[in-house]
Each structure stands twice: as structure tokens, then as C-alpha cells.
Amino acid sequence: MHLCSNLRRARKLRTRRLSTARRAFVRWKGLNATVALPPASAGFWRQLRAFAGPAFLVSVGYMDPGNWGSDLQAGAQYRYGLLWVVALSSLMAIVMQVIAARLGVVTGKDLAQACRDFYWPWTRWPLWIFCEIAIGACDLAEVLGSAVAINLLFHIPLFWAVLITAFDVLLLLALQGLGMRFIETVILVLVATIGGCYLIEIFVLPQTQPSFLEMGQSLVSPGFREQGMIVVAIAIIGATVMPHNLYLHSALVHSRKLRSDEPTMRRAIKFNTIDTVVALSVAFFVNAAILVLAAMVFNGRQSVTLGGGEVVTFTPDTDWIRVAYLTLAPLLGTALASTLFAVALLPADRAARSPAPWAGQVVMEGFMHWRIRPWLRRLVTRLMAIIPAVLIIGFRGEGSVTDLLVLSQVVLALQLPFAMIPLLHFTSFRKWMGGHRNGWFLLVAGWTTCPAHHRSCYLRPAGRDPKRLEGNCRQLEAGNPE
């Protein structure tokens, strides 16, 4: 009798926690439990169609201009030498996003709410601040990508193009009012547009078809064989495994009408896992394609001669994202290639820009229980990105875009452990997850990524100065770390 009483008390406590967490999510966006689920007896594809969406919405953050910048630099400078880093970081991302979705389904809380409820009260302040820094770094990459696209399409100076990007927060607010399913459909179309562009470039255009044997050899023989590789590898990791996406994914799974019974939880975990694996596999192929095309067009070349006789010279300080349209120039000509690249970059930027403000709202309400108007939250997020971009471009000129992109991704990589460790902690113990805690595969894979990521972030004492960062890279590669 005593045992039964304790079980009933625990069940009531859990139900109360679930309802509290879900009410908090309702306050976030009004999108909680807005997507109906079919009965368990429905067919596989019907159920998958109902659950699919949150992972694709999160995956666009893995195909943002920050990824474009770091992948372009990796391919242009080191050919396929860092392709294995793209593959490994994508595998890390799949594991961590699967775990984030599992946390949201089982506990009824997103990661920010779990940190506030399960950890000591004082920890919410540093964890929230670190997450806001990551969100600002992510949005900086989106602002720069959008500004480059505007510059290529309308020939507006980059400084003013950055300022123009401040006004597209209104687009996000308009999309939010149309419902979660509509947002997910728009994102899926944009992802398909990006993937289609690169699919054609690699498998159809003869000018940019790579050596698949050489690519395979680089995947099975990892290493840092040239100076400067480590700093670009850190940028790739930061661009691929984004800390704020872990918070966001754990919240987005609540958009489905989930019940707290065991069969529904098992079904939700299964289909969210499939959704995550498929969505992030697409993101991996897009990122790999960017690196491969940069290697084909830029690596080993000092310059490229355009159709009109104009010569574009490459130097170690070249802003690769601003000359990336040259990957299409041999077939389409410079003018059309520039337009097509900008058209591909704009959907990538528009799609990737959505998660950052939403994640900002999730972490602010989850950690601090602060609620502000959505347009104000998006404006704050955007200003966090625009102010440093305007200052640096104003002082250093338009040749600093790639440096800013890579630096933003390094900042993301440095913030990642502050999201990974709490997520793995919560999902590894029966205390919070019951019988749905991580199995042996997720347990080993998840905790293995932490020391691997910590090792890649050895350069943390260099701070945010790219010159010191590169110097530490060279010392580490030479076997003489400071």
C-alpha cells in the first residue's frame, strides 16, 4: 500500500510538471499542441507525415551563411582535407538533436525549463547569458549572408545592406501568425531549393564534377595536415552543432498534440528520431557540396578569368563567400551566376534566420520566465548581430566578411558545452527520463562528443582575436602548445 501511494504521488507530481511546462510553452508562441496526430493504428507514412517538421525547421540552421563561409574557406584553402570534419560534426549534430527531442517529449519541458527546474537557481543566469551569446553569433552569420546577397543582387554597399536586414524581422512575425504547419512547409521548400542547386552543380554540370575517390579517401584518413586547419575545423563544428538549436528542438516537439501515456511517448520518440536523421542528413549533403564545389573552383588557383576578360585574384584574405558565385560562372556567365548564387543565398539566409529569434524567446522564457513582445525579442536579437557587423565593416571595410563569419562560428563552438552537458545529464538518468533515458548507443555517442569537442576547443585562451587564434593553431599543430 505504501508503495502504491508513493507511485500515485509521483504520477501526480509528474502530471503537474508536464502541465506547468506546457502552459509555459503556450505563453511562448501559442503554437503548443497545434498539430493533430493520427491514431496509433494509422500507417507508417501517415504518422511520419504528422511528426515530421520540427527537425527540418531546426536543420536550416545547419545550412546558414555561417556554414557557407566556413565550408567555402575549408574547400578553397585545404581542398577535401576537412571533409571528414563536416561528416563528424554532422554525426554529432544528429546525436544531440535526437537527444534534445527525446528530452522534450518525455519531460514535457524544453532544455531551458529543465535547467531552471532541475539545477541550482543561480545556474540559470550564466547558462542563459552563454546561450544569448550563441544566438547573437548565429544571427550575425545570417545578417552577413543576407547582406552579401543584397549586395550581389542590387549592388548596394555592404554597410547599408547590413542595416537593411534589420527590417526583415517583420517577415518572421507574419510567418508566425500563419501557424506551425505553414512555417514548416515554407522551410521545407527553401531547403529543397538549396539542395537542388547543389545537386545540379555536383552531379550534372561537368565543370564542377568532383573526384569521388579523392573525397572518399579524405573521409577515411582524417587529420590536420596543414597549418591553420584547426581554426577552420572549429568554425565548421560551431556552424554545424549549434547550441541554441538544442534548446529550440526540445521546445518544437511540443507543437504536436502529445499525450503523456507510454505508447504515445514511444511513438513520438521513434518518429522524431527518423525526422531528425533525415533532416540533418540533408544538411550534411548540402554542407559537403559547398566544401566540394569550393575545392573544385578555388583550391590551387591564384585567379580566375571571367568571360569579359576581368581577372579575379585570390589571396589568403579573400572573402570567399563574396566570390562563391564563381562556382557557377563557367556555365552561366558571371552576371547570371552572381544572380543565381544570391537567389540561393537569400532562401538559405531567410530559412536559417527563423530559428535564432525563436530560440531566443524559448531560452528567455525558459530560464528567466521573462515575457516580452515577439517583435521586441526579434529586434533585440537582430541588434545583437547588426551592431558588431556595422562597427567592424565600418572600420575594416568590406573585406572582413569571411573573418566575421568564421569568428561567429568559433564563438558558437565555444558555447556548445554549456548546452550539451546539461542535455546529456538530464537524459542519461532515470530520475528525469524514467524508462526513456538514453540507451547505450546514445549514452556513449553523446558523452563521447563532449571530450572530442573540448579537445577541438583547446584554442579557447586565444579569445576572439583571429590572429592569436591562428597563431595558437600553428603552435598546436607543431606540437608546442602554449
Protein backbone atom coordinates (compact mmCIF):
# COMPACT_ATOMS: atom_id res chain seq x y z
CA MET A 1 0.00 0.00 0.00
CA HIS A 2 2.82 2.38 0.86
CA LEU A 3 4.49 1.66 -2.49
CA CYS A 4 1.23 2.26 -4.39
CA SER A 5 0.73 5.53 -2.55
CA ASN A 6 4.22 6.70 -3.49
CA LEU A 7 3.66 5.74 -7.12
CA ARG A 8 0.39 7.70 -7.25
CA ARG A 9 2.09 10.70 -5.65
CA ALA A 10 4.95 10.55 -8.16
CA ARG A 11 2.50 10.26 -11.06
CA LYS A 12 0.54 13.29 -9.87
CA LEU A 13 3.77 15.29 -9.48
CA ARG A 14 4.87 14.36 -12.97
CA THR A 15 1.48 15.30 -14.44
CA ARG A 16 1.60 18.66 -12.65
CA ARG A 17 5.13 19.30 -14.00
CA LEU A 18 4.01 18.41 -17.53
CA SER A 19 1.01 20.74 -17.43
CA THR A 20 3.13 23.58 -16.00
CA ALA A 21 5.79 23.17 -18.67
CA ARG A 22 3.25 23.04 -21.46
CA ARG A 23 1.46 26.14 -20.18
CA ALA A 24 4.84 27.90 -20.28
CA PHE A 25 5.24 26.85 -23.89
CA VAL A 26 1.78 28.20 -24.71
CA ARG A 27 2.95 31.53 -23.38
CA TRP A 28 5.96 31.30 -25.71
CA LYS A 29 4.25 31.21 -29.09
CA GLY A 30 0.72 29.91 -28.91
CA LEU A 31 1.87 27.02 -31.12
CA ASN A 32 1.77 24.31 -28.47
CA ALA A 33 -0.31 21.23 -29.40
CA THR A 34 -1.48 22.78 -32.67
CA VAL A 35 -0.69 19.78 -34.91
CA ALA A 36 -3.04 16.81 -34.51
CA LEU A 37 -1.63 13.28 -34.57
CA PRO A 38 -3.25 10.28 -36.25
CA PRO A 39 -4.22 7.24 -34.16
CA ALA A 40 -1.56 4.66 -33.42
CA SER A 41 -3.24 2.27 -35.86
CA ALA A 42 -2.55 4.63 -38.80
CA GLY A 43 0.02 3.68 -41.40
CA PHE A 44 3.73 4.44 -41.10
CA TRP A 45 3.80 7.24 -43.70
CA ARG A 46 0.75 8.98 -42.29
CA GLN A 47 2.31 9.03 -38.83
CA LEU A 48 5.68 10.16 -40.18
CA ARG A 49 3.99 13.00 -42.07
CA ALA A 50 2.32 14.13 -38.85
CA PHE A 51 5.50 14.11 -36.77
CA ALA A 52 7.88 15.42 -39.47
CA GLY A 53 8.68 19.12 -39.39
CA PRO A 54 10.45 20.24 -36.21
CA ALA A 55 13.78 18.71 -37.26
CA PHE A 56 13.59 20.29 -40.72
CA LEU A 57 12.85 23.65 -39.13
CA VAL A 58 15.92 23.23 -36.93
CA SER A 59 18.05 21.83 -39.78
CA VAL A 60 18.02 25.09 -41.73
CA GLY A 61 20.30 26.47 -39.02
CA TYR A 62 22.84 23.91 -40.23
CA MET A 63 22.73 25.36 -43.77
CA ASP A 64 23.09 29.04 -42.93
CA PRO A 65 25.64 31.52 -44.32
CA GLY A 66 27.91 30.71 -41.38
CA ASN A 67 28.18 27.18 -42.74
CA TRP A 68 28.65 28.56 -46.22
CA GLY A 69 31.53 30.76 -45.06
CA SER A 70 33.41 28.09 -43.09
CA ASP A 71 32.82 25.39 -45.75
CA LEU A 72 33.90 27.69 -48.57
CA GLN A 73 37.09 28.60 -46.71
CA ALA A 74 37.81 24.94 -45.93
CA GLY A 75 37.39 23.83 -49.55
CA ALA A 76 39.23 26.80 -51.04
CA GLN A 77 42.28 26.50 -48.79
CA TYR A 78 42.50 22.78 -47.98
CA ARG A 79 40.55 21.06 -50.79
CA TYR A 80 38.88 17.95 -49.27
CA GLY A 81 41.16 17.89 -46.21
CA LEU A 82 38.38 18.93 -43.80
CA LEU A 83 35.51 17.00 -45.38
CA TRP A 84 35.80 14.48 -42.54
CA VAL A 85 35.17 17.30 -40.04
CA VAL A 86 31.91 18.14 -41.83
CA ALA A 87 30.87 14.46 -41.65
CA LEU A 88 31.87 14.05 -37.99
CA SER A 89 30.21 17.28 -36.86
CA SER A 90 27.02 16.31 -38.73
CA LEU A 91 27.00 12.98 -36.89
CA MET A 92 27.45 14.86 -33.61
CA ALA A 93 24.54 17.12 -34.54
CA ILE A 94 22.24 14.17 -35.30
CA VAL A 95 23.01 12.52 -31.95
CA MET A 96 22.49 15.72 -29.95
CA GLN A 97 19.28 16.75 -31.73
CA VAL A 98 17.80 13.26 -31.27
CA ILE A 99 18.52 13.55 -27.55
CA ALA A 100 17.05 17.09 -27.40
CA ALA A 101 13.81 15.89 -29.00
CA ARG A 102 13.67 12.97 -26.58
CA LEU A 103 14.00 15.34 -23.60
CA GLY A 104 11.11 17.47 -24.81
CA VAL A 105 8.83 14.50 -25.48
CA VAL A 106 9.42 12.69 -22.17
CA THR A 107 9.65 15.52 -19.64
CA GLY A 108 7.27 17.98 -21.29
CA LYS A 109 9.93 20.66 -20.81
CA ASP A 110 12.35 22.28 -23.19
CA LEU A 111 16.03 22.31 -22.22
CA ALA A 112 15.88 25.82 -20.74
CA GLN A 113 12.94 24.92 -18.49
CA ALA A 114 14.69 21.71 -17.43
CA CYS A 115 17.83 23.63 -16.46
CA ARG A 116 15.80 26.08 -14.39
CA ASP A 117 13.74 23.39 -12.65
CA PHE A 118 16.41 20.71 -12.11
CA TYR A 119 19.57 22.74 -11.39
CA TRP A 120 20.50 25.21 -8.65
CA PRO A 121 18.74 28.59 -9.06
CA TRP A 122 21.96 30.57 -9.63
CA THR A 123 22.93 28.47 -12.69
CA ARG A 124 20.17 29.91 -14.85
CA TRP A 125 22.00 33.24 -15.16
CA PRO A 126 25.30 32.05 -16.72
CA LEU A 127 23.55 29.41 -18.84
CA TRP A 128 21.11 31.99 -20.19
CA ILE A 129 23.88 34.52 -20.92
CA PHE A 130 26.00 31.92 -22.73
CA CYS A 131 23.01 30.91 -24.83
CA GLU A 132 22.22 34.52 -25.73
CA ILE A 133 25.83 34.97 -26.88
CA ALA A 134 25.45 31.92 -29.12
CA ILE A 135 22.18 33.25 -30.55
CA GLY A 136 23.81 36.60 -31.30
CA ALA A 137 26.74 34.87 -33.03
CA CYS A 138 24.33 32.80 -35.12
CA ASP A 139 22.28 35.82 -36.15
CA LEU A 140 25.49 37.65 -37.08
CA ALA A 141 26.15 34.99 -39.72
CA GLU A 142 22.60 35.33 -41.07
CA VAL A 143 22.88 39.11 -41.25
CA LEU A 144 26.14 38.90 -43.19
CA GLY A 145 24.77 36.29 -45.58
CA SER A 146 21.69 38.36 -46.31
CA ALA A 147 23.79 41.49 -46.76
CA VAL A 148 26.06 39.72 -49.30
CA ALA A 149 23.00 38.53 -51.24
CA ILE A 150 21.56 42.07 -51.30
CA ASN A 151 24.95 43.39 -52.39
CA LEU A 152 25.16 40.91 -55.27
CA LEU A 153 21.57 41.46 -56.43
CA PHE A 154 21.25 45.24 -56.10
CA HIS A 155 24.90 46.41 -55.83
CA ILE A 156 24.14 48.18 -52.57
CA PRO A 157 27.27 48.76 -50.44
CA LEU A 158 27.68 46.09 -47.80
CA PHE A 159 27.49 48.58 -44.92
CA TRP A 160 23.98 49.71 -45.95
CA ALA A 161 22.92 46.17 -46.87
CA VAL A 162 23.61 45.13 -43.26
CA LEU A 163 21.35 47.90 -42.00
CA ILE A 164 18.56 46.87 -44.39
CA THR A 165 18.49 43.39 -42.86
CA ALA A 166 17.14 44.90 -39.63
CA PHE A 167 13.68 45.24 -41.17
CA ASP A 168 13.06 41.63 -42.13
CA VAL A 169 12.01 40.81 -38.56
CA LEU A 170 8.54 41.80 -39.80
CA LEU A 171 8.61 38.82 -42.17
CA LEU A 172 9.19 36.42 -39.28
CA LEU A 173 6.28 37.92 -37.35
CA ALA A 174 3.99 37.50 -40.37
CA LEU A 175 5.01 33.86 -40.78
CA GLN A 176 4.43 33.15 -37.09
CA GLY A 177 0.79 34.17 -37.40
CA LEU A 178 0.16 31.59 -40.14
CA GLY A 179 0.70 28.51 -37.97
CA MET A 180 3.38 25.91 -37.41
CA ARG A 181 2.48 23.69 -40.39
CA PHE A 182 2.72 26.60 -42.82
CA ILE A 183 6.10 27.63 -41.40
CA GLU A 184 7.41 24.07 -41.71
CA THR A 185 6.21 23.85 -45.32
CA VAL A 186 7.94 27.10 -46.28
CA ILE A 187 11.15 25.96 -44.61
CA LEU A 188 11.00 22.60 -46.42
CA VAL A 189 10.62 24.35 -49.79
CA LEU A 190 13.61 26.58 -49.07
CA VAL A 191 15.73 23.60 -48.00
CA ALA A 192 14.75 21.77 -51.20
CA THR A 193 15.74 24.84 -53.25
CA ILE A 194 19.20 24.94 -51.70
CA GLY A 195 19.73 21.21 -52.04
CA GLY A 196 18.54 21.22 -55.66
CA CYS A 197 21.04 23.92 -56.63
CA TYR A 198 23.97 21.94 -55.28
CA LEU A 199 22.71 18.62 -56.57
CA ILE A 200 22.75 20.01 -60.11
CA GLU A 201 26.18 21.57 -59.66
CA ILE A 202 27.86 18.37 -58.46
CA PHE A 203 26.12 15.63 -60.43
CA VAL A 204 25.02 17.41 -63.63
CA LEU A 205 27.45 20.21 -64.53
CA PRO A 206 30.64 18.68 -65.98
CA GLN A 207 32.71 21.71 -64.95
CA THR A 208 32.15 21.08 -61.26
CA GLN A 209 32.00 17.28 -61.00
CA PRO A 210 34.46 16.19 -58.26
CA SER A 211 36.63 13.11 -57.86
CA PHE A 212 34.54 10.87 -55.63
CA LEU A 213 37.54 8.60 -54.99
CA GLU A 214 39.55 11.52 -53.61
CA MET A 215 36.59 12.56 -51.46
CA GLY A 216 36.29 9.03 -50.05
CA GLN A 217 39.99 8.92 -49.22
CA SER A 218 39.75 12.19 -47.28
CA LEU A 219 36.82 10.80 -45.25
CA VAL A 220 38.67 7.66 -44.16
CA SER A 221 42.01 9.37 -43.43
CA PRO A 222 41.26 12.29 -41.05
CA GLY A 223 43.93 14.64 -39.76
CA PHE A 224 45.22 18.22 -39.66
CA ARG A 225 48.00 18.18 -42.24
CA GLU A 226 48.34 21.90 -42.95
CA GLN A 227 48.77 25.00 -40.87
CA GLY A 228 45.54 26.81 -40.00
CA MET A 229 43.32 23.75 -40.43
CA ILE A 230 42.31 23.60 -36.77
CA VAL A 231 40.75 27.06 -36.61
CA VAL A 232 38.64 26.33 -39.70
CA ALA A 233 37.68 22.94 -38.22
CA ILE A 234 36.46 24.67 -35.03
CA ALA A 235 34.43 27.05 -37.19
CA ILE A 236 32.86 24.10 -39.02
CA ILE A 237 31.92 22.44 -35.72
CA GLY A 238 30.46 25.70 -34.40
CA ALA A 239 28.49 26.18 -37.62
CA THR A 240 27.17 22.62 -37.63
CA VAL A 241 26.36 21.85 -33.97
CA MET A 242 24.57 24.97 -32.78
CA PRO A 243 23.83 25.18 -29.04
CA HIS A 244 20.62 27.19 -29.32
CA ASN A 245 19.15 24.61 -31.70
CA LEU A 246 19.23 22.08 -28.86
CA TYR A 247 17.00 24.39 -26.81
CA LEU A 248 14.72 25.07 -29.77
CA HIS A 249 14.26 21.45 -30.86
CA SER A 250 13.30 20.37 -27.35
CA ALA A 251 10.55 23.02 -27.48
CA LEU A 252 9.31 22.49 -31.04
CA VAL A 253 8.32 18.86 -30.39
CA HIS A 254 5.53 20.24 -28.19
CA SER A 255 3.78 21.60 -31.28
CA ARG A 256 2.28 18.10 -31.68
CA LYS A 257 -0.69 17.06 -29.55
CA LEU A 258 1.22 14.65 -27.37
CA ARG A 259 -0.28 12.67 -24.51
CA SER A 260 1.76 11.52 -21.53
CA ASP A 261 0.98 7.81 -21.89
CA GLU A 262 3.79 5.37 -22.68
CA PRO A 263 2.67 4.27 -26.19
CA THR A 264 2.39 7.90 -27.37
CA MET A 265 5.83 8.71 -25.95
CA ARG A 266 7.43 5.72 -27.66
CA ARG A 267 5.76 6.63 -30.94
CA ALA A 268 6.84 10.29 -30.63
CA ILE A 269 10.44 9.32 -29.85
CA LYS A 270 10.55 6.95 -32.83
CA PHE A 271 9.22 9.37 -35.42
CA ASN A 272 11.10 12.39 -34.08
CA THR A 273 14.29 10.34 -34.37
CA ILE A 274 13.51 9.49 -38.01
CA ASP A 275 12.65 13.13 -38.71
CA THR A 276 15.96 14.27 -37.20
CA VAL A 277 18.13 11.74 -39.02
CA VAL A 278 16.59 12.56 -42.42
CA ALA A 279 16.64 16.35 -41.97
CA LEU A 280 20.22 16.57 -40.73
CA SER A 281 21.45 14.10 -43.36
CA VAL A 282 20.15 16.54 -45.98
CA ALA A 283 22.00 19.33 -44.17
CA PHE A 284 25.21 17.27 -44.26
CA PHE A 285 25.00 16.74 -48.02
CA VAL A 286 24.43 20.46 -48.59
CA ASN A 287 27.43 21.42 -46.43
CA ALA A 288 29.61 18.77 -48.07
CA ALA A 289 28.55 20.05 -51.50
CA ILE A 290 29.58 23.62 -50.60
CA LEU A 291 33.03 22.45 -49.50
CA VAL A 292 33.48 20.24 -52.58
CA LEU A 293 32.50 22.99 -55.01
CA ALA A 294 34.86 25.46 -53.34
CA ALA A 295 37.64 22.88 -53.64
CA MET A 296 36.89 22.34 -57.33
CA VAL A 297 36.77 26.02 -58.28
CA PHE A 298 39.15 27.80 -55.90
CA ASN A 299 41.72 25.39 -54.48
CA GLY A 300 45.19 25.67 -56.01
CA ARG A 301 44.28 28.69 -58.14
CA GLN A 302 45.68 32.17 -57.85
CA SER A 303 43.00 33.77 -60.02
CA VAL A 304 40.02 33.18 -62.29
CA THR A 305 39.45 34.93 -65.61
CA LEU A 306 35.84 35.90 -66.23
CA GLY A 307 34.06 35.96 -69.56
CA GLY A 308 34.63 39.68 -70.10
CA GLY A 309 38.37 39.37 -69.51
CA GLU A 310 38.19 40.54 -65.89
CA VAL A 311 40.60 38.71 -63.60
CA VAL A 312 39.60 37.89 -60.01
CA THR A 313 42.69 37.29 -57.86
CA PHE A 314 42.64 35.05 -54.79
CA THR A 315 44.69 35.83 -51.69
CA PRO A 316 44.73 34.46 -48.12
CA ASP A 317 42.45 37.41 -47.20
CA THR A 318 39.86 36.75 -49.91
CA ASP A 319 36.23 36.89 -48.76
CA TRP A 320 35.23 33.52 -50.17
CA ILE A 321 31.51 33.98 -49.68
CA ARG A 322 31.58 37.10 -51.85
CA VAL A 323 33.26 35.26 -54.75
CA ALA A 324 31.42 31.96 -54.27
CA TYR A 325 29.17 32.73 -57.26
CA LEU A 326 32.18 31.93 -59.46
CA THR A 327 31.40 28.25 -58.92
CA LEU A 328 28.61 28.76 -61.50
CA ALA A 329 30.40 31.23 -63.76
CA PRO A 330 31.95 28.71 -66.23
CA LEU A 331 28.49 27.59 -67.39
CA LEU A 332 26.20 30.55 -66.78
CA GLY A 333 28.45 33.56 -67.13
CA THR A 334 29.38 35.96 -64.38
CA ALA A 335 26.20 38.06 -64.29
CA LEU A 336 23.74 35.16 -64.21
CA ALA A 337 25.95 33.17 -61.81
CA SER A 338 26.03 36.11 -59.41
CA THR A 339 22.24 36.42 -59.53
CA LEU A 340 21.66 32.68 -59.12
CA PHE A 341 24.05 32.47 -56.18
CA ALA A 342 22.35 35.42 -54.48
CA VAL A 343 18.93 33.85 -55.08
CA ALA A 344 20.19 30.61 -53.47
CA LEU A 345 21.80 32.52 -50.59
CA LEU A 346 18.66 34.51 -49.77
CA PRO A 347 16.44 31.46 -49.13
CA ALA A 348 19.24 29.89 -47.12
CA ASP A 349 19.51 33.05 -45.05
CA ARG A 350 15.75 33.58 -44.70
CA ALA A 351 15.21 29.99 -43.65
CA ALA A 352 18.17 29.90 -41.28
CA ARG A 353 17.22 33.19 -39.69
CA SER A 354 13.97 31.82 -38.26
CA PRO A 355 15.39 29.53 -35.52
CA ALA A 356 17.58 32.14 -33.78
CA PRO A 357 14.82 34.56 -32.65
CA TRP A 358 12.56 31.65 -31.72
CA ALA A 359 15.37 30.08 -29.72
CA GLY A 360 15.92 33.44 -28.04
CA GLN A 361 12.31 33.52 -26.96
CA VAL A 362 12.48 29.92 -25.72
CA VAL A 363 15.59 30.46 -23.57
CA MET A 364 14.42 33.80 -22.18
CA GLU A 365 11.09 32.40 -21.04
CA GLY A 366 12.53 29.04 -20.01
CA PHE A 367 15.47 30.32 -17.96
CA MET A 368 14.20 33.64 -16.67
CA HIS A 369 10.38 33.49 -17.04
CA TRP A 370 10.61 36.84 -18.80
CA ARG A 371 7.99 37.54 -21.44
CA ILE A 372 8.33 40.37 -23.94
CA ARG A 373 6.52 41.09 -27.17
CA PRO A 374 7.73 38.92 -30.10
CA TRP A 375 8.71 41.89 -32.28
CA LEU A 376 10.80 43.33 -29.44
CA ARG A 377 12.56 39.97 -28.86
CA ARG A 378 13.39 39.74 -32.56
CA LEU A 379 14.60 43.32 -32.62
CA VAL A 380 16.91 42.67 -29.66
CA THR A 381 18.31 39.55 -31.36
CA ARG A 382 18.86 41.42 -34.60
CA LEU A 383 20.59 44.37 -32.90
CA MET A 384 22.96 41.95 -31.15
CA ALA A 385 24.13 40.93 -34.62
CA ILE A 386 23.91 44.20 -36.56
CA ILE A 387 25.86 46.39 -34.14
CA PRO A 388 29.14 44.40 -34.26
CA ALA A 389 28.73 43.83 -38.03
CA VAL A 390 28.29 47.56 -38.71
CA LEU A 391 31.20 48.51 -36.46
CA ILE A 392 33.66 46.01 -37.93
CA ILE A 393 32.67 46.61 -41.56
CA GLY A 394 32.75 50.35 -40.95
CA PHE A 395 36.28 50.26 -39.52
CA ARG A 396 37.84 47.39 -41.51
CA GLY A 397 35.94 47.71 -44.78
CA GLU A 398 34.01 45.16 -46.81
CA GLY A 399 36.90 42.69 -46.92
CA SER A 400 36.16 41.38 -43.42
CA VAL A 401 33.03 39.33 -44.13
CA THR A 402 34.64 35.88 -44.13
CA ASP A 403 36.61 36.71 -40.97
CA LEU A 404 33.37 37.70 -39.23
CA LEU A 405 31.58 34.57 -40.43
CA VAL A 406 34.33 32.22 -39.28
CA LEU A 407 34.71 34.08 -35.99
CA SER A 408 30.95 33.83 -35.30
CA GLN A 409 31.13 30.07 -35.78
CA VAL A 410 34.14 29.77 -33.44
CA VAL A 411 32.11 31.61 -30.77
CA LEU A 412 29.27 29.13 -31.30
CA ALA A 413 31.67 26.21 -30.86
CA LEU A 414 32.95 27.64 -27.58
CA GLN A 415 29.40 27.97 -26.19
CA LEU A 416 28.36 24.45 -27.19
CA PRO A 417 29.42 22.54 -24.00
CA PHE A 418 27.12 24.74 -21.88
CA ALA A 419 24.15 23.25 -23.74
CA MET A 420 25.49 19.75 -24.43
CA ILE A 421 26.43 18.81 -20.87
CA PRO A 422 23.07 19.69 -19.21
CA LEU A 423 21.20 17.94 -22.04
CA LEU A 424 23.23 14.75 -21.67
CA HIS A 425 22.98 14.94 -17.88
CA PHE A 426 19.18 15.12 -17.87
CA THR A 427 18.64 12.41 -20.48
CA SER A 428 21.12 9.93 -19.01
CA PHE A 429 19.32 9.36 -15.71
CA ARG A 430 16.11 7.52 -14.86
CA LYS A 431 15.33 10.24 -12.29
CA TRP A 432 14.13 12.58 -15.05
CA MET A 433 13.56 10.30 -18.04
CA GLY A 434 12.25 7.11 -16.46
CA GLY A 435 12.43 4.18 -18.86
CA HIS A 436 13.13 6.54 -21.78
CA ARG A 437 16.60 7.57 -20.67
CA ASN A 438 19.37 7.30 -23.27
CA GLY A 439 20.24 3.79 -24.36
CA TRP A 440 23.80 2.58 -24.50
CA PHE A 441 24.35 3.90 -28.05
CA LEU A 442 23.13 7.44 -27.34
CA LEU A 443 24.87 7.37 -23.97
CA VAL A 444 28.26 6.50 -25.48
CA ALA A 445 27.85 8.64 -28.61
CA GLY A 446 26.58 11.66 -26.67
CA TRP A 447 29.20 11.71 -23.94
CA THR A 448 31.99 10.93 -26.43
CA THR A 449 31.23 14.12 -28.32
CA CYS A 450 31.92 16.23 -25.21
CA PRO A 451 35.64 15.44 -24.78
CA ALA A 452 36.03 15.45 -28.58
CA HIS A 453 34.53 18.92 -28.73
CA HIS A 454 36.54 20.07 -25.71
CA ARG A 455 39.74 18.93 -27.44
CA SER A 456 38.81 20.87 -30.59
CA CYS A 457 38.25 23.99 -28.45
CA TYR A 458 41.79 23.88 -26.99
CA LEU A 459 42.32 27.33 -28.51
CA ARG A 460 39.89 28.97 -26.14
CA PRO A 461 42.53 31.10 -24.35
CA ALA A 462 43.10 32.94 -27.62
CA GLY A 463 39.81 34.69 -27.11
CA ARG A 464 38.19 36.20 -30.17
CA ASP A 465 41.28 37.55 -31.91
CA PRO A 466 41.64 35.62 -35.20
CA LYS A 467 45.38 36.36 -35.43
CA ARG A 468 46.08 34.90 -31.97
CA LEU A 469 43.76 32.01 -32.75
CA GLU A 470 45.70 31.21 -35.91
CA GLY A 471 48.99 31.52 -34.00
CA ASN A 472 47.81 29.02 -31.38
CA CYS A 473 46.71 26.71 -34.19
CA ARG A 474 50.21 26.69 -35.66
CA GLN A 475 51.79 26.02 -32.27
CA LEU A 476 49.38 23.20 -31.55
CA GLU A 477 49.98 21.61 -34.96
CA ALA A 478 53.73 21.87 -34.39
CA GLY A 479 53.34 20.03 -31.08
CA ASN A 480 54.23 23.08 -28.95
CA PRO A 481 51.02 24.33 -27.35
CA GLU A 482 51.23 27.27 -25.03
